N, C-alpha and C. Protein backbone atom coordinates (compact mmCIF):
# COMPACT_ATOMS: atom_id res chain seq x y z
N MET A 1 0.82 -1.21 0.00
CA MET A 1 0.00 0.00 0.00
C MET A 1 0.86 1.26 0.00
N ARG A 2 2.06 1.17 0.55
CA ARG A 2 2.92 2.35 0.64
C ARG A 2 3.20 2.95 -0.74
N GLU A 3 3.53 2.07 -1.70
CA GLU A 3 3.86 2.55 -3.03
C GLU A 3 2.69 3.30 -3.66
N LEU A 4 1.47 2.78 -3.48
CA LEU A 4 0.29 3.44 -4.02
C LEU A 4 0.06 4.78 -3.35
N ALA A 5 0.21 4.83 -2.03
CA ALA A 5 0.00 6.07 -1.29
C ALA A 5 1.01 7.14 -1.72
N GLU A 6 2.26 6.75 -1.84
CA GLU A 6 3.29 7.73 -2.23
C GLU A 6 3.07 8.20 -3.66
N LYS A 7 2.59 7.32 -4.53
CA LYS A 7 2.30 7.71 -5.90
C LYS A 7 1.18 8.74 -5.95
N ARG A 8 0.14 8.54 -5.15
CA ARG A 8 -0.97 9.50 -5.11
C ARG A 8 -0.49 10.86 -4.62
N ILE A 9 0.40 10.85 -3.63
CA ILE A 9 0.90 12.13 -3.10
C ILE A 9 1.74 12.85 -4.15
N ARG A 10 2.59 12.11 -4.87
CA ARG A 10 3.41 12.75 -5.92
C ARG A 10 2.53 13.37 -6.99
N THR A 11 1.38 12.73 -7.27
CA THR A 11 0.48 13.26 -8.30
C THR A 11 -0.31 14.46 -7.79
N SER A 12 -0.84 14.36 -6.58
CA SER A 12 -1.73 15.39 -6.05
C SER A 12 -0.98 16.55 -5.38
N TYR A 13 0.18 16.26 -4.79
CA TYR A 13 0.94 17.29 -4.05
C TYR A 13 2.41 17.23 -4.45
N PRO A 14 2.75 17.57 -5.69
CA PRO A 14 4.14 17.45 -6.15
C PRO A 14 5.11 18.35 -5.38
N TYR A 15 4.60 19.36 -4.72
CA TYR A 15 5.45 20.29 -3.99
C TYR A 15 5.74 19.82 -2.56
N PHE A 16 5.10 18.74 -2.13
CA PHE A 16 5.17 18.35 -0.72
C PHE A 16 5.91 17.04 -0.54
N THR A 17 6.83 17.01 0.44
CA THR A 17 7.53 15.79 0.83
C THR A 17 7.06 15.38 2.22
N PRO A 18 6.37 14.26 2.36
CA PRO A 18 5.88 13.84 3.68
C PRO A 18 7.02 13.70 4.68
N ARG A 19 6.72 14.08 5.91
CA ARG A 19 7.74 14.03 6.97
C ARG A 19 7.68 12.75 7.79
N ASN A 20 6.60 12.00 7.65
CA ASN A 20 6.47 10.76 8.42
C ASN A 20 5.38 9.89 7.78
N ASP A 21 5.26 8.66 8.27
CA ASP A 21 4.30 7.71 7.69
C ASP A 21 2.86 8.15 7.88
N TRP A 22 2.56 8.81 8.97
CA TRP A 22 1.19 9.25 9.20
C TRP A 22 0.76 10.23 8.11
N GLU A 23 1.66 11.14 7.73
CA GLU A 23 1.33 12.09 6.67
C GLU A 23 1.13 11.38 5.33
N VAL A 24 1.93 10.36 5.06
CA VAL A 24 1.77 9.59 3.83
C VAL A 24 0.38 8.96 3.79
N LEU A 25 0.00 8.33 4.90
CA LEU A 25 -1.29 7.66 4.96
C LEU A 25 -2.44 8.66 4.87
N TYR A 26 -2.34 9.75 5.59
CA TYR A 26 -3.42 10.75 5.60
C TYR A 26 -3.61 11.38 4.22
N LEU A 27 -2.52 11.83 3.61
CA LEU A 27 -2.62 12.55 2.35
C LEU A 27 -3.03 11.65 1.18
N SER A 28 -2.83 10.35 1.33
CA SER A 28 -3.23 9.44 0.25
C SER A 28 -4.74 9.25 0.19
N ASN A 29 -5.44 9.70 1.24
CA ASN A 29 -6.89 9.49 1.30
C ASN A 29 -7.69 10.77 1.49
N ALA A 30 -7.02 11.88 1.83
CA ALA A 30 -7.75 13.11 2.15
C ALA A 30 -7.43 14.19 1.12
N PRO A 31 -8.43 14.73 0.42
CA PRO A 31 -8.17 15.80 -0.55
C PRO A 31 -7.85 17.11 0.14
N TYR A 32 -7.01 17.91 -0.49
CA TYR A 32 -6.65 19.22 0.04
C TYR A 32 -6.41 20.15 -1.14
N SER A 33 -6.95 21.37 -1.07
CA SER A 33 -6.83 22.30 -2.19
C SER A 33 -6.30 23.66 -1.76
N GLY A 34 -5.76 23.77 -0.53
CA GLY A 34 -5.26 25.04 -0.05
C GLY A 34 -3.80 25.27 -0.40
N SER A 35 -3.17 26.21 0.31
CA SER A 35 -1.78 26.57 0.06
C SER A 35 -0.83 25.56 0.68
N GLU A 36 0.43 25.63 0.28
CA GLU A 36 1.44 24.74 0.85
C GLU A 36 1.62 25.00 2.34
N ALA A 37 1.67 26.26 2.73
CA ALA A 37 1.81 26.60 4.15
C ALA A 37 0.60 26.10 4.93
N GLY A 38 -0.58 26.24 4.34
CA GLY A 38 -1.78 25.77 5.01
C GLY A 38 -1.79 24.26 5.17
N LEU A 39 -1.16 23.55 4.24
CA LEU A 39 -1.11 22.10 4.33
C LEU A 39 -0.28 21.67 5.54
N TYR A 40 0.87 22.30 5.75
CA TYR A 40 1.70 21.96 6.90
C TYR A 40 0.95 22.24 8.21
N GLU A 41 0.27 23.37 8.26
CA GLU A 41 -0.49 23.72 9.47
C GLU A 41 -1.60 22.71 9.72
N ARG A 42 -2.28 22.31 8.68
CA ARG A 42 -3.36 21.34 8.83
C ARG A 42 -2.84 19.99 9.31
N LEU A 43 -1.74 19.54 8.73
CA LEU A 43 -1.18 18.26 9.13
C LEU A 43 -0.71 18.29 10.59
N ASP A 44 -0.07 19.37 10.99
CA ASP A 44 0.39 19.47 12.38
C ASP A 44 -0.78 19.45 13.35
N ARG A 45 -1.85 20.14 12.98
CA ARG A 45 -3.02 20.19 13.86
C ARG A 45 -3.70 18.83 13.96
N LEU A 46 -3.87 18.17 12.82
CA LEU A 46 -4.54 16.87 12.83
C LEU A 46 -3.69 15.79 13.50
N LEU A 47 -2.38 15.86 13.32
CA LEU A 47 -1.51 14.89 13.98
C LEU A 47 -1.56 15.05 15.49
N ALA A 48 -1.60 16.29 15.95
CA ALA A 48 -1.71 16.53 17.39
C ALA A 48 -3.00 15.94 17.95
N MET A 49 -4.09 16.07 17.20
CA MET A 49 -5.36 15.49 17.64
C MET A 49 -5.29 13.96 17.65
N GLU A 50 -4.63 13.40 16.64
CA GLU A 50 -4.49 11.95 16.55
C GLU A 50 -3.67 11.41 17.73
N ILE A 51 -2.61 12.12 18.07
CA ILE A 51 -1.76 11.71 19.20
C ILE A 51 -2.56 11.76 20.50
N GLU A 52 -3.36 12.81 20.65
CA GLU A 52 -4.17 12.94 21.86
C GLU A 52 -5.18 11.79 21.97
N ASP A 53 -5.76 11.40 20.84
CA ASP A 53 -6.75 10.32 20.86
C ASP A 53 -6.09 8.96 21.07
N THR A 54 -4.93 8.77 20.46
CA THR A 54 -4.28 7.45 20.48
C THR A 54 -3.43 7.23 21.73
N GLY A 55 -2.81 8.29 22.22
CA GLY A 55 -2.03 8.16 23.45
C GLY A 55 -0.57 8.52 23.32
N SER A 56 0.02 8.36 22.13
CA SER A 56 1.43 8.70 21.96
C SER A 56 1.78 8.84 20.49
N TYR A 57 2.84 9.61 20.24
CA TYR A 57 3.34 9.78 18.88
C TYR A 57 3.81 8.44 18.31
N GLU A 58 4.51 7.69 19.15
CA GLU A 58 5.06 6.40 18.70
C GLU A 58 3.97 5.44 18.26
N LEU A 59 2.86 5.40 18.97
CA LEU A 59 1.77 4.50 18.62
C LEU A 59 1.09 4.93 17.32
N VAL A 60 0.96 6.24 17.12
CA VAL A 60 0.38 6.74 15.88
C VAL A 60 1.25 6.33 14.69
N MET A 61 2.56 6.50 14.82
CA MET A 61 3.47 6.15 13.74
C MET A 61 3.50 4.64 13.50
N LYS A 62 3.41 3.87 14.58
CA LYS A 62 3.42 2.42 14.45
C LYS A 62 2.20 1.94 13.67
N ASP A 63 1.03 2.50 14.01
CA ASP A 63 -0.20 2.12 13.30
C ASP A 63 -0.13 2.51 11.83
N ALA A 64 0.40 3.70 11.55
CA ALA A 64 0.50 4.17 10.16
C ALA A 64 1.45 3.28 9.37
N LYS A 65 2.58 2.93 9.97
CA LYS A 65 3.55 2.07 9.27
C LYS A 65 2.96 0.70 8.97
N GLU A 66 2.26 0.12 9.91
CA GLU A 66 1.65 -1.20 9.70
C GLU A 66 0.64 -1.16 8.58
N THR A 67 -0.15 -0.09 8.51
CA THR A 67 -1.14 0.05 7.44
C THR A 67 -0.46 0.19 6.08
N LEU A 68 0.57 1.03 6.02
CA LEU A 68 1.26 1.27 4.75
C LEU A 68 2.03 0.05 4.26
N ASP A 69 2.46 -0.79 5.19
CA ASP A 69 3.25 -1.97 4.82
C ASP A 69 2.38 -3.17 4.43
N GLU A 70 1.06 -3.02 4.51
CA GLU A 70 0.18 -4.12 4.10
C GLU A 70 0.30 -4.35 2.60
N LEU A 71 0.27 -5.61 2.20
CA LEU A 71 0.32 -5.96 0.80
C LEU A 71 -1.07 -5.80 0.17
N LEU A 72 -1.10 -5.21 -1.02
CA LEU A 72 -2.36 -5.03 -1.73
C LEU A 72 -2.37 -5.87 -2.99
N ASP A 73 -3.51 -6.37 -3.32
CA ASP A 73 -3.68 -7.14 -4.55
C ASP A 73 -4.89 -6.59 -5.28
N TRP A 74 -4.79 -5.31 -5.63
CA TRP A 74 -5.90 -4.62 -6.28
C TRP A 74 -5.82 -4.79 -7.78
N THR A 75 -6.96 -4.73 -8.42
CA THR A 75 -7.03 -4.75 -9.88
C THR A 75 -7.12 -3.32 -10.39
N GLY A 76 -6.30 -3.02 -11.39
CA GLY A 76 -6.39 -1.71 -12.03
C GLY A 76 -5.24 -0.78 -11.72
N LEU A 77 -4.38 -1.13 -10.76
CA LEU A 77 -3.24 -0.28 -10.47
C LEU A 77 -2.24 -0.39 -11.61
N LYS A 78 -1.86 0.75 -12.17
CA LYS A 78 -0.89 0.72 -13.26
C LYS A 78 0.46 0.24 -12.74
N PRO A 79 1.15 -0.57 -13.53
CA PRO A 79 2.42 -1.13 -13.06
C PRO A 79 3.53 -0.09 -12.98
N SER A 80 4.49 -0.36 -12.11
CA SER A 80 5.70 0.45 -12.01
C SER A 80 6.83 -0.26 -12.75
N PRO A 81 7.88 0.46 -13.14
CA PRO A 81 9.00 -0.19 -13.82
C PRO A 81 9.56 -1.36 -13.00
N GLY A 82 9.75 -2.48 -13.66
CA GLY A 82 10.30 -3.65 -12.99
C GLY A 82 9.27 -4.58 -12.40
N ASP A 83 7.99 -4.19 -12.44
CA ASP A 83 6.95 -5.08 -11.89
C ASP A 83 6.87 -6.37 -12.71
N PRO A 84 6.66 -7.50 -12.03
CA PRO A 84 6.51 -8.76 -12.76
C PRO A 84 5.13 -8.84 -13.41
N GLU A 85 4.96 -9.83 -14.26
CA GLU A 85 3.68 -10.10 -14.91
C GLU A 85 3.17 -8.89 -15.69
N VAL A 86 4.09 -8.22 -16.39
CA VAL A 86 3.73 -7.13 -17.30
C VAL A 86 4.26 -7.51 -18.68
N PHE A 87 3.36 -7.48 -19.68
CA PHE A 87 3.72 -7.94 -21.02
C PHE A 87 3.33 -6.87 -22.04
N VAL A 88 4.27 -6.46 -22.87
CA VAL A 88 4.05 -5.41 -23.86
C VAL A 88 4.34 -5.96 -25.25
N ARG A 89 3.40 -5.74 -26.17
CA ARG A 89 3.57 -6.19 -27.54
C ARG A 89 3.18 -5.05 -28.49
N PRO A 90 4.08 -4.67 -29.43
CA PRO A 90 3.75 -3.59 -30.37
C PRO A 90 2.65 -4.00 -31.33
N LEU A 91 1.83 -3.03 -31.70
CA LEU A 91 0.76 -3.26 -32.67
C LEU A 91 1.30 -3.00 -34.08
N PRO A 92 1.12 -3.93 -34.99
CA PRO A 92 1.60 -3.72 -36.37
C PRO A 92 1.01 -2.45 -36.99
N GLY A 93 1.88 -1.69 -37.67
CA GLY A 93 1.43 -0.49 -38.34
C GLY A 93 1.02 0.63 -37.40
N SER A 94 1.59 0.65 -36.19
CA SER A 94 1.20 1.66 -35.21
C SER A 94 2.40 2.02 -34.34
N LYS A 95 2.37 3.21 -33.78
CA LYS A 95 3.42 3.61 -32.83
C LYS A 95 3.05 3.25 -31.39
N TYR A 96 1.95 2.50 -31.25
CA TYR A 96 1.47 2.11 -29.92
C TYR A 96 1.60 0.61 -29.71
N SER A 97 1.61 0.22 -28.45
CA SER A 97 1.67 -1.19 -28.06
C SER A 97 0.51 -1.50 -27.13
N ILE A 98 0.18 -2.78 -27.08
CA ILE A 98 -0.76 -3.29 -26.07
C ILE A 98 0.07 -3.72 -24.87
N ARG A 99 -0.39 -3.36 -23.68
CA ARG A 99 0.27 -3.80 -22.45
C ARG A 99 -0.74 -4.57 -21.61
N LEU A 100 -0.35 -5.75 -21.16
CA LEU A 100 -1.14 -6.54 -20.23
C LEU A 100 -0.42 -6.55 -18.89
N PHE A 101 -1.17 -6.31 -17.82
CA PHE A 101 -0.57 -6.37 -16.48
C PHE A 101 -1.56 -7.01 -15.51
N SER A 102 -1.02 -7.76 -14.57
CA SER A 102 -1.85 -8.59 -13.71
C SER A 102 -2.59 -7.74 -12.67
N GLY A 103 -3.77 -8.25 -12.29
CA GLY A 103 -4.55 -7.67 -11.21
C GLY A 103 -4.70 -8.68 -10.10
N ASN A 104 -5.86 -8.72 -9.49
CA ASN A 104 -6.11 -9.63 -8.38
C ASN A 104 -6.02 -11.07 -8.85
N ALA A 105 -5.11 -11.83 -8.21
CA ALA A 105 -4.89 -13.21 -8.64
C ALA A 105 -6.06 -14.11 -8.27
N GLU A 106 -6.71 -13.83 -7.14
CA GLU A 106 -7.81 -14.68 -6.69
C GLU A 106 -8.96 -14.69 -7.69
N SER A 107 -9.25 -13.51 -8.25
CA SER A 107 -10.35 -13.42 -9.23
C SER A 107 -9.84 -13.52 -10.67
N LYS A 108 -8.54 -13.84 -10.83
CA LYS A 108 -7.93 -14.07 -12.15
C LYS A 108 -8.03 -12.84 -13.06
N ASP A 109 -7.84 -11.67 -12.48
CA ASP A 109 -7.95 -10.43 -13.24
C ASP A 109 -6.64 -10.09 -13.96
N TYR A 110 -6.78 -9.58 -15.15
CA TYR A 110 -5.70 -8.93 -15.88
C TYR A 110 -6.25 -7.62 -16.43
N CYS A 111 -5.38 -6.66 -16.67
CA CYS A 111 -5.80 -5.41 -17.28
C CYS A 111 -5.01 -5.16 -18.56
N LEU A 112 -5.65 -4.45 -19.46
CA LEU A 112 -5.04 -4.05 -20.73
C LEU A 112 -5.07 -2.54 -20.83
N ASP A 113 -3.96 -1.98 -21.29
CA ASP A 113 -3.96 -0.57 -21.67
C ASP A 113 -3.07 -0.39 -22.89
N PHE A 114 -3.03 0.83 -23.40
CA PHE A 114 -2.20 1.15 -24.55
C PHE A 114 -1.05 2.05 -24.10
N VAL A 115 0.13 1.80 -24.66
CA VAL A 115 1.30 2.62 -24.32
C VAL A 115 2.02 3.01 -25.60
N LEU A 116 2.74 4.12 -25.53
CA LEU A 116 3.63 4.50 -26.62
C LEU A 116 4.78 3.51 -26.67
N THR A 117 5.01 2.91 -27.80
CA THR A 117 6.07 1.91 -27.91
C THR A 117 7.43 2.50 -27.58
N SER A 118 7.66 3.74 -27.96
CA SER A 118 8.98 4.36 -27.79
C SER A 118 9.30 4.70 -26.35
N THR A 119 8.27 4.99 -25.54
CA THR A 119 8.52 5.46 -24.17
C THR A 119 7.88 4.59 -23.10
N GLY A 120 6.87 3.79 -23.47
CA GLY A 120 6.14 3.03 -22.47
C GLY A 120 5.10 3.85 -21.73
N GLU A 121 4.89 5.09 -22.15
CA GLU A 121 3.93 5.97 -21.49
C GLU A 121 2.50 5.53 -21.82
N PRO A 122 1.65 5.31 -20.79
CA PRO A 122 0.27 4.90 -21.06
C PRO A 122 -0.56 6.04 -21.65
N VAL A 123 -1.45 5.70 -22.56
CA VAL A 123 -2.32 6.68 -23.20
C VAL A 123 -3.74 6.12 -23.24
N ASN A 124 -4.70 7.02 -23.28
CA ASN A 124 -6.10 6.62 -23.37
C ASN A 124 -6.51 6.48 -24.83
N SER A 125 -7.10 5.34 -25.19
CA SER A 125 -7.67 5.08 -26.53
C SER A 125 -7.04 5.96 -27.61
N PRO A 126 -5.82 5.64 -28.03
CA PRO A 126 -5.10 6.54 -28.94
C PRO A 126 -5.56 6.49 -30.39
N PHE A 127 -6.47 5.57 -30.71
CA PHE A 127 -6.98 5.46 -32.07
C PHE A 127 -8.36 4.81 -31.99
N LYS A 128 -9.06 4.81 -33.12
CA LYS A 128 -10.38 4.19 -33.15
C LYS A 128 -10.23 2.68 -33.19
N PHE A 129 -10.97 1.99 -32.33
CA PHE A 129 -10.85 0.53 -32.28
C PHE A 129 -12.06 -0.06 -31.57
N ASP A 130 -12.20 -1.37 -31.71
CA ASP A 130 -13.12 -2.16 -30.92
C ASP A 130 -12.34 -3.32 -30.33
N LEU A 131 -12.56 -3.58 -29.04
CA LEU A 131 -11.91 -4.69 -28.35
C LEU A 131 -12.98 -5.70 -27.96
N PHE A 132 -12.79 -6.95 -28.37
CA PHE A 132 -13.76 -7.99 -28.08
C PHE A 132 -13.09 -9.13 -27.31
N THR A 133 -13.86 -9.77 -26.43
CA THR A 133 -13.45 -11.06 -25.88
C THR A 133 -14.22 -12.13 -26.64
N LEU A 134 -13.53 -13.23 -26.93
CA LEU A 134 -14.09 -14.28 -27.79
C LEU A 134 -14.25 -15.58 -27.00
N PRO A 135 -15.15 -16.44 -27.45
CA PRO A 135 -15.25 -17.76 -26.82
C PRO A 135 -13.94 -18.53 -26.99
N HIS A 136 -13.62 -19.35 -26.02
CA HIS A 136 -12.44 -20.20 -26.14
C HIS A 136 -12.62 -21.14 -27.33
N PRO A 137 -11.63 -21.23 -28.24
CA PRO A 137 -11.83 -22.05 -29.44
C PRO A 137 -12.05 -23.53 -29.15
N ASP A 138 -11.61 -24.00 -28.00
CA ASP A 138 -11.80 -25.41 -27.65
C ASP A 138 -12.96 -25.63 -26.69
N ALA A 139 -13.69 -24.55 -26.40
CA ALA A 139 -14.78 -24.69 -25.44
C ALA A 139 -16.01 -25.30 -26.11
N PRO A 140 -16.82 -26.01 -25.35
CA PRO A 140 -18.05 -26.57 -25.92
C PRO A 140 -19.10 -25.50 -26.16
N VAL A 141 -20.19 -25.87 -26.79
CA VAL A 141 -21.31 -24.95 -27.00
C VAL A 141 -21.82 -24.47 -25.65
N GLY A 142 -22.16 -23.19 -25.59
CA GLY A 142 -22.66 -22.65 -24.33
C GLY A 142 -21.63 -21.86 -23.57
N SER A 143 -20.42 -21.69 -24.13
CA SER A 143 -19.39 -20.89 -23.48
C SER A 143 -19.73 -19.42 -23.62
N ALA A 144 -18.90 -18.56 -23.03
CA ALA A 144 -19.18 -17.13 -23.01
C ALA A 144 -19.30 -16.57 -24.42
N PRO A 145 -20.26 -15.69 -24.68
CA PRO A 145 -20.44 -15.14 -26.02
C PRO A 145 -19.40 -14.07 -26.32
N ILE A 146 -19.37 -13.61 -27.57
CA ILE A 146 -18.51 -12.49 -27.94
C ILE A 146 -19.00 -11.24 -27.21
N MET A 147 -18.07 -10.52 -26.61
CA MET A 147 -18.43 -9.30 -25.86
C MET A 147 -17.53 -8.15 -26.27
N ARG A 148 -18.12 -6.99 -26.51
CA ARG A 148 -17.34 -5.78 -26.77
C ARG A 148 -16.98 -5.15 -25.43
N MET A 149 -15.70 -4.87 -25.25
CA MET A 149 -15.22 -4.37 -23.96
C MET A 149 -15.19 -2.84 -23.93
N SER A 150 -15.50 -2.31 -22.74
CA SER A 150 -15.41 -0.88 -22.48
C SER A 150 -14.40 -0.65 -21.36
N PRO A 151 -13.88 0.57 -21.23
CA PRO A 151 -12.92 0.83 -20.17
C PRO A 151 -13.49 0.50 -18.79
N LEU A 152 -12.63 0.02 -17.90
CA LEU A 152 -13.05 -0.32 -16.55
C LEU A 152 -13.66 0.88 -15.84
N GLU A 153 -13.14 2.05 -16.11
CA GLU A 153 -13.64 3.26 -15.45
C GLU A 153 -15.11 3.52 -15.78
N CYS A 154 -15.52 3.16 -17.00
CA CYS A 154 -16.91 3.39 -17.39
C CYS A 154 -17.88 2.57 -16.56
N SER A 155 -17.42 1.40 -16.08
CA SER A 155 -18.29 0.57 -15.24
C SER A 155 -18.52 1.21 -13.87
N PHE A 156 -17.69 2.20 -13.51
CA PHE A 156 -17.88 2.93 -12.26
C PHE A 156 -18.57 4.27 -12.49
N GLY A 157 -19.12 4.45 -13.69
CA GLY A 157 -19.89 5.66 -13.97
C GLY A 157 -19.08 6.84 -14.47
N ILE A 158 -17.79 6.62 -14.82
CA ILE A 158 -16.96 7.72 -15.31
C ILE A 158 -17.05 7.74 -16.84
N PRO A 159 -17.53 8.83 -17.43
CA PRO A 159 -17.57 8.90 -18.91
C PRO A 159 -16.16 8.77 -19.48
N GLN A 160 -16.05 8.17 -20.65
CA GLN A 160 -14.72 7.92 -21.20
C GLN A 160 -13.92 9.19 -21.40
N HIS A 161 -14.57 10.28 -21.77
CA HIS A 161 -13.83 11.51 -22.02
C HIS A 161 -13.36 12.19 -20.74
N LYS A 162 -13.82 11.69 -19.59
CA LYS A 162 -13.38 12.27 -18.32
C LYS A 162 -12.37 11.38 -17.57
N ILE A 163 -11.95 10.29 -18.19
CA ILE A 163 -10.92 9.45 -17.57
C ILE A 163 -9.60 10.21 -17.59
N GLU A 164 -8.88 10.21 -16.47
CA GLU A 164 -7.61 10.93 -16.40
C GLU A 164 -6.64 10.42 -17.47
N PRO A 165 -5.85 11.32 -18.05
CA PRO A 165 -4.91 10.90 -19.09
C PRO A 165 -4.00 9.76 -18.62
N GLY A 166 -3.95 8.70 -19.39
CA GLY A 166 -3.09 7.57 -19.07
C GLY A 166 -3.66 6.60 -18.05
N ALA A 167 -4.85 6.88 -17.54
CA ALA A 167 -5.42 6.02 -16.50
C ALA A 167 -6.33 4.93 -17.05
N GLU A 168 -6.75 5.04 -18.29
CA GLU A 168 -7.71 4.10 -18.87
C GLU A 168 -7.14 2.67 -18.89
N LYS A 169 -8.01 1.71 -18.58
CA LYS A 169 -7.64 0.31 -18.70
C LYS A 169 -8.89 -0.53 -18.94
N PHE A 170 -8.68 -1.74 -19.47
CA PHE A 170 -9.77 -2.67 -19.77
C PHE A 170 -9.56 -3.93 -18.94
N LEU A 171 -10.64 -4.44 -18.35
CA LEU A 171 -10.55 -5.61 -17.48
C LEU A 171 -10.71 -6.89 -18.29
N LEU A 172 -9.70 -7.76 -18.16
CA LEU A 172 -9.73 -9.07 -18.79
C LEU A 172 -9.47 -10.13 -17.72
N HIS A 173 -9.42 -11.39 -18.13
CA HIS A 173 -9.17 -12.47 -17.17
C HIS A 173 -8.23 -13.50 -17.77
N ASP A 174 -7.60 -14.26 -16.88
CA ASP A 174 -6.65 -15.29 -17.31
C ASP A 174 -7.25 -16.15 -18.42
N GLY A 175 -6.47 -16.34 -19.49
CA GLY A 175 -6.85 -17.27 -20.53
C GLY A 175 -7.88 -16.77 -21.53
N GLN A 176 -8.35 -15.53 -21.38
CA GLN A 176 -9.36 -15.02 -22.32
C GLN A 176 -8.75 -14.82 -23.70
N HIS A 177 -9.55 -15.12 -24.72
CA HIS A 177 -9.16 -14.88 -26.10
C HIS A 177 -9.75 -13.54 -26.53
N CYS A 178 -8.92 -12.69 -27.13
CA CYS A 178 -9.34 -11.32 -27.43
C CYS A 178 -9.05 -10.97 -28.87
N LEU A 179 -9.82 -10.01 -29.37
CA LEU A 179 -9.67 -9.52 -30.73
C LEU A 179 -9.72 -8.00 -30.71
N LEU A 180 -8.72 -7.38 -31.33
CA LEU A 180 -8.68 -5.92 -31.47
C LEU A 180 -8.90 -5.59 -32.94
N ARG A 181 -9.93 -4.78 -33.20
CA ARG A 181 -10.28 -4.43 -34.57
C ARG A 181 -10.06 -2.94 -34.77
N ARG A 182 -9.22 -2.59 -35.77
CA ARG A 182 -8.92 -1.19 -36.10
C ARG A 182 -9.25 -0.92 -37.55
N PRO A 183 -9.93 0.17 -37.85
CA PRO A 183 -10.22 0.49 -39.25
C PRO A 183 -8.93 0.62 -40.06
N GLY A 184 -8.89 -0.02 -41.22
CA GLY A 184 -7.73 0.09 -42.09
C GLY A 184 -6.58 -0.82 -41.73
N HIS A 185 -6.75 -1.67 -40.74
CA HIS A 185 -5.68 -2.59 -40.32
C HIS A 185 -6.24 -4.01 -40.22
N ARG A 186 -5.34 -4.97 -40.26
CA ARG A 186 -5.75 -6.35 -40.03
C ARG A 186 -6.13 -6.51 -38.55
N ASP A 187 -7.03 -7.45 -38.29
CA ASP A 187 -7.39 -7.74 -36.90
C ASP A 187 -6.17 -8.27 -36.14
N VAL A 188 -6.16 -8.00 -34.86
CA VAL A 188 -5.12 -8.51 -33.97
C VAL A 188 -5.79 -9.41 -32.94
N ARG A 189 -5.25 -10.62 -32.79
CA ARG A 189 -5.77 -11.55 -31.79
C ARG A 189 -4.68 -11.88 -30.79
N PHE A 190 -5.10 -12.14 -29.56
CA PHE A 190 -4.14 -12.54 -28.53
C PHE A 190 -4.89 -13.25 -27.40
N THR A 191 -4.14 -13.97 -26.58
CA THR A 191 -4.70 -14.67 -25.44
C THR A 191 -4.05 -14.17 -24.16
N VAL A 192 -4.84 -13.87 -23.17
CA VAL A 192 -4.33 -13.38 -21.88
C VAL A 192 -3.57 -14.52 -21.19
N PRO A 193 -2.40 -14.23 -20.63
CA PRO A 193 -1.65 -15.28 -19.93
C PRO A 193 -2.45 -15.90 -18.78
N ILE A 194 -2.12 -17.15 -18.49
CA ILE A 194 -2.73 -17.86 -17.37
C ILE A 194 -1.68 -18.03 -16.28
N ARG A 195 -1.96 -17.56 -15.10
CA ARG A 195 -1.03 -17.71 -13.98
C ARG A 195 -1.12 -19.12 -13.40
N ARG A 196 0.01 -19.78 -13.29
CA ARG A 196 0.03 -21.11 -12.68
C ARG A 196 -0.22 -20.96 -11.18
N ARG A 197 -1.00 -21.85 -10.66
CA ARG A 197 -1.31 -21.83 -9.24
C ARG A 197 -0.87 -23.14 -8.60
N PRO A 198 -0.29 -23.08 -7.42
CA PRO A 198 0.13 -24.33 -6.77
C PRO A 198 -1.07 -25.23 -6.50
N LYS A 199 -0.85 -26.52 -6.66
CA LYS A 199 -1.92 -27.46 -6.40
C LYS A 199 -2.26 -27.46 -4.91
N PRO A 200 -3.53 -27.49 -4.57
CA PRO A 200 -3.91 -27.48 -3.15
C PRO A 200 -3.35 -28.70 -2.43
N THR A 201 -2.85 -28.44 -1.22
CA THR A 201 -2.29 -29.53 -0.43
C THR A 201 -3.35 -30.26 0.39
N ALA A 202 -4.45 -29.58 0.64
CA ALA A 202 -5.51 -30.21 1.44
C ALA A 202 -6.21 -31.29 0.63
N LYS A 203 -6.62 -32.34 1.31
CA LYS A 203 -7.33 -33.42 0.64
C LYS A 203 -8.73 -32.97 0.24
N LYS A 204 -9.17 -33.44 -0.95
CA LYS A 204 -10.51 -33.09 -1.40
C LYS A 204 -11.55 -33.80 -0.56
N THR A 205 -12.64 -33.10 -0.32
CA THR A 205 -13.75 -33.69 0.42
C THR A 205 -14.42 -34.76 -0.44
N PRO A 206 -14.57 -35.98 0.05
CA PRO A 206 -15.20 -37.03 -0.76
C PRO A 206 -16.61 -36.65 -1.17
N VAL A 207 -16.96 -36.98 -2.40
CA VAL A 207 -18.30 -36.71 -2.92
C VAL A 207 -19.21 -37.89 -2.58
N ASP A 208 -20.32 -37.58 -1.93
CA ASP A 208 -21.25 -38.63 -1.53
C ASP A 208 -22.21 -38.91 -2.69
N ALA A 209 -21.67 -39.60 -3.72
CA ALA A 209 -22.48 -39.89 -4.91
C ALA A 209 -21.81 -41.01 -5.69
N ASP A 210 -22.59 -41.67 -6.52
CA ASP A 210 -22.04 -42.64 -7.46
C ASP A 210 -21.54 -41.90 -8.69
N ILE A 211 -20.31 -42.16 -9.09
CA ILE A 211 -19.68 -41.43 -10.19
C ILE A 211 -19.73 -42.27 -11.46
N LEU A 212 -20.24 -41.68 -12.55
CA LEU A 212 -20.24 -42.32 -13.86
C LEU A 212 -19.05 -41.78 -14.65
N ASP A 213 -18.22 -42.63 -15.14
CA ASP A 213 -16.96 -42.23 -15.78
C ASP A 213 -17.13 -42.16 -17.30
N PHE A 214 -17.54 -40.98 -17.83
CA PHE A 214 -17.59 -40.74 -19.26
C PHE A 214 -16.25 -40.17 -19.71
N PRO A 215 -15.87 -40.38 -20.97
CA PRO A 215 -14.61 -39.79 -21.45
C PRO A 215 -14.72 -38.26 -21.51
N GLN A 216 -13.62 -37.59 -21.21
CA GLN A 216 -13.63 -36.13 -21.24
C GLN A 216 -13.45 -35.60 -22.65
N TYR A 217 -12.58 -36.25 -23.43
CA TYR A 217 -12.35 -35.84 -24.82
C TYR A 217 -12.54 -37.05 -25.73
N ILE A 218 -13.04 -36.82 -26.93
CA ILE A 218 -13.16 -37.89 -27.93
C ILE A 218 -12.66 -37.37 -29.26
N ASP A 219 -12.12 -38.23 -30.10
CA ASP A 219 -11.60 -37.85 -31.42
C ASP A 219 -12.70 -37.96 -32.47
């Protein structure tokens, strides 16, 4: 969580360097629109109140550090340089690339965004396109239908034109088959990576039923 909090502060308060963990935690969640001098005064006043409520400066800092050091597995956080499970592939006939980066592993989330191939800088919908998820080619009848994807932000009620520059992303899942269609270009297809998961060590609960053994695959 610390990395996310510090990133928010650098974006919202580029002129301010936090003096302690409590300020990092507070400023990552509380909006402020006043002057720089007023920000210092506000933080000092609120920290004094927090110390009075909690009992000591040391305890306040300890609680803030523990919160910031918690591991997060959120979907939609843009990757930082060196992050694992980030895959970039250039689009033919374009100065842009598709980037896939992992989200919450439990729900098998992946995200897609577009970046400038030359710099890796994320950009919002840099050209006209349609992005579709497709049925698995080996899946039986009744699998998921073709779906046109919209930015994740739109599902939270944010109009596409109001998404912050470079923040747009599309939600996908492990193993999904996708198609990108651009006017004047050949279609692009790709499959989202599948994260290997360790086999469960716990024994399976026996099924209280008679099992009929049909073949799973036939030629």
